[in-house]
Amino acid sequence: MIPSLAFLHIRLAWSVMLVGVFSGATLGLGFHREQFLNGYHSFTRRLLRLGHIACFGMAFINLLFAGTVWAFGVEPQLASTCFITALLGMPLVCFLSAWYQPFRHMFVIPVAATAIGIVETILLLDPANSGPVMALAVPM
């Protein structure tokens, strides 16, 4: 059975990937026009593309975290909170920055959250305390 923390990250990750699909499809409707959103190299267009891709990138990090939680049988609350903050915050800051440039200063929030989540997850990985899956895969 999948732990509730892992299930939360799996559900959120797939939901944000769906947002990524729809945002990409919406943006794709105008990409054939050279001057769409002020051209290919405009700040607005770059940030909207980054937001679209961030939906997938942050979702993959959350799926990896869910697998780690399940495999090692740990539930690091700080890392969980940080990864959810990054999952929701990174695309949101990208989209908001495309709309109003001063929002770009908020990138520190999802970036710091991702870094903190990764560090806590690494520190909690101990093969001696592994869950049912890792007991089979990691030699003691």
Protein backbone atom coordinates (compact mmCIF):
# COMPACT_ATOMS: atom_id res chain seq x y z
CA MET A 1 0.00 0.00 0.00
CA ILE A 2 1.26 3.49 -0.86
CA PRO A 3 1.75 5.77 2.18
CA SER A 4 -0.56 8.79 2.31
CA LEU A 5 2.33 11.24 1.93
CA ALA A 6 3.53 9.49 -1.22
CA PHE A 7 -0.03 9.36 -2.57
CA LEU A 8 -0.42 13.12 -2.01
CA HIS A 9 2.71 13.84 -4.04
CA ILE A 10 1.68 11.44 -6.80
CA ARG A 11 -1.78 12.99 -7.11
CA LEU A 12 -0.46 16.56 -7.08
CA ALA A 13 2.32 15.75 -9.58
CA TRP A 14 -0.09 14.25 -12.12
CA SER A 15 -2.49 17.15 -11.61
CA VAL A 16 0.22 19.73 -12.29
CA MET A 17 1.33 17.75 -15.36
CA LEU A 18 -2.24 18.14 -16.65
CA VAL A 19 -1.90 21.91 -16.12
CA GLY A 20 1.34 21.69 -18.12
CA VAL A 21 -0.43 19.92 -20.97
CA PHE A 22 -3.21 22.51 -21.14
CA SER A 23 -0.87 25.49 -20.77
CA GLY A 24 1.35 24.07 -23.53
CA ALA A 25 -1.64 23.46 -25.77
CA THR A 26 -2.89 26.99 -25.16
CA LEU A 27 0.52 28.51 -25.92
CA GLY A 28 0.90 26.26 -28.94
CA LEU A 29 -2.12 27.84 -30.59
CA GLY A 30 -0.11 30.98 -31.30
CA PHE A 31 3.46 29.76 -31.74
CA HIS A 32 3.14 29.62 -35.52
CA ARG A 33 3.02 33.43 -35.62
CA GLU A 34 6.50 35.01 -35.58
CA GLN A 35 5.47 37.91 -33.33
CA PHE A 36 3.33 35.85 -30.94
CA LEU A 37 3.83 37.35 -27.46
CA ASN A 38 6.35 39.84 -28.87
CA GLY A 39 8.51 37.26 -30.62
CA TYR A 40 10.46 34.16 -29.72
CA HIS A 41 13.04 35.91 -27.55
CA SER A 42 10.67 38.14 -25.59
CA PHE A 43 10.70 37.93 -21.79
CA THR A 44 6.98 37.14 -21.72
CA ARG A 45 7.22 34.25 -24.15
CA ARG A 46 10.32 32.79 -22.47
CA LEU A 47 8.69 32.87 -19.03
CA LEU A 48 5.47 31.29 -20.29
CA ARG A 49 7.51 28.49 -21.90
CA LEU A 50 9.49 28.07 -18.68
CA GLY A 51 6.26 27.89 -16.67
CA HIS A 52 4.91 25.23 -18.99
CA ILE A 53 8.07 23.13 -18.64
CA ALA A 54 8.25 23.77 -14.87
CA CYS A 55 4.92 21.97 -14.54
CA PHE A 56 6.58 18.80 -15.80
CA GLY A 57 9.98 19.23 -14.18
CA MET A 58 8.64 19.90 -10.70
CA ALA A 59 6.08 17.11 -11.13
CA PHE A 60 8.88 14.63 -11.89
CA ILE A 61 10.75 15.72 -8.76
CA ASN A 62 7.60 15.11 -6.72
CA LEU A 63 7.13 11.67 -8.30
CA LEU A 64 10.73 10.81 -7.40
CA PHE A 65 10.10 12.02 -3.86
CA ALA A 66 6.95 9.88 -3.61
CA GLY A 67 8.94 6.84 -4.73
CA THR A 68 11.65 7.61 -2.19
CA VAL A 69 9.11 7.98 0.62
CA TRP A 70 7.57 4.66 -0.30
CA ALA A 71 10.84 2.79 -0.85
CA PHE A 72 12.52 3.97 2.35
CA GLY A 73 9.41 4.10 4.52
CA VAL A 74 10.13 7.64 5.73
CA GLU A 75 7.84 10.66 5.82
CA PRO A 76 9.97 13.81 5.95
CA GLN A 77 7.44 16.57 6.55
CA LEU A 78 9.77 19.48 5.80
CA ALA A 79 10.86 17.99 2.46
CA SER A 80 7.24 17.24 1.62
CA THR A 81 6.17 20.81 2.32
CA CYS A 82 9.13 22.16 0.34
CA PHE A 83 8.48 19.97 -2.70
CA ILE A 84 4.78 20.88 -2.76
CA THR A 85 5.71 24.56 -2.44
CA ALA A 86 8.09 24.19 -5.39
CA LEU A 87 5.60 22.14 -7.44
CA LEU A 88 2.95 24.82 -7.15
CA GLY A 89 5.24 27.83 -6.83
CA MET A 90 7.67 27.43 -9.73
CA PRO A 91 5.09 27.41 -12.54
CA LEU A 92 3.05 30.09 -10.76
CA VAL A 93 6.04 32.44 -10.40
CA CYS A 94 6.93 31.84 -14.07
CA PHE A 95 3.42 32.67 -15.25
CA LEU A 96 3.12 35.68 -12.92
CA SER A 97 6.55 36.98 -13.98
CA ALA A 98 5.52 36.78 -17.62
CA TRP A 99 2.54 38.96 -16.78
CA TYR A 100 4.33 41.42 -14.42
CA GLN A 101 8.16 41.35 -14.38
CA PRO A 102 8.71 42.32 -10.70
CA PHE A 103 7.27 38.91 -9.72
CA ARG A 104 10.59 37.43 -10.92
CA HIS A 105 12.05 38.30 -7.52
CA MET A 106 9.82 35.59 -6.04
CA PHE A 107 11.81 32.84 -7.79
CA VAL A 108 13.87 32.51 -4.62
CA ILE A 109 10.89 30.85 -2.90
CA PRO A 110 10.43 27.76 -5.13
CA VAL A 111 14.19 27.49 -5.76
CA ALA A 112 15.01 27.53 -2.03
CA ALA A 113 12.14 25.13 -1.33
CA THR A 114 13.48 22.67 -3.90
CA ALA A 115 17.01 22.87 -2.49
CA ILE A 116 15.84 22.38 1.10
CA GLY A 117 13.64 19.44 0.09
CA ILE A 118 16.50 17.75 -1.75
CA VAL A 119 18.92 18.24 1.14
CA GLU A 120 16.49 16.84 3.72
CA THR A 121 15.68 13.87 1.50
CA ILE A 122 19.36 13.07 1.00
CA LEU A 123 20.03 13.30 4.74
CA LEU A 124 17.19 10.88 5.50
CA LEU A 125 18.37 8.21 3.06
CA ASP A 126 19.87 5.48 5.19
CA PRO A 127 19.97 1.95 3.74
CA ALA A 128 19.89 0.53 7.28
CA ASN A 129 16.45 2.10 7.79
CA SER A 130 15.08 1.17 4.38
CA GLY A 131 11.51 0.17 3.77
CA PRO A 132 10.23 -3.03 2.15
CA VAL A 133 11.34 -2.21 -1.39
CA MET A 134 14.85 -1.02 -0.59
CA ALA A 135 15.47 -3.99 1.71
CA LEU A 136 15.49 -6.12 -1.42
CA ALA A 137 17.54 -3.75 -3.57
CA VAL A 138 20.24 -2.30 -1.28
CA PRO A 139 22.88 -4.66 0.09
CA MET A 140 23.38 -4.26 3.83
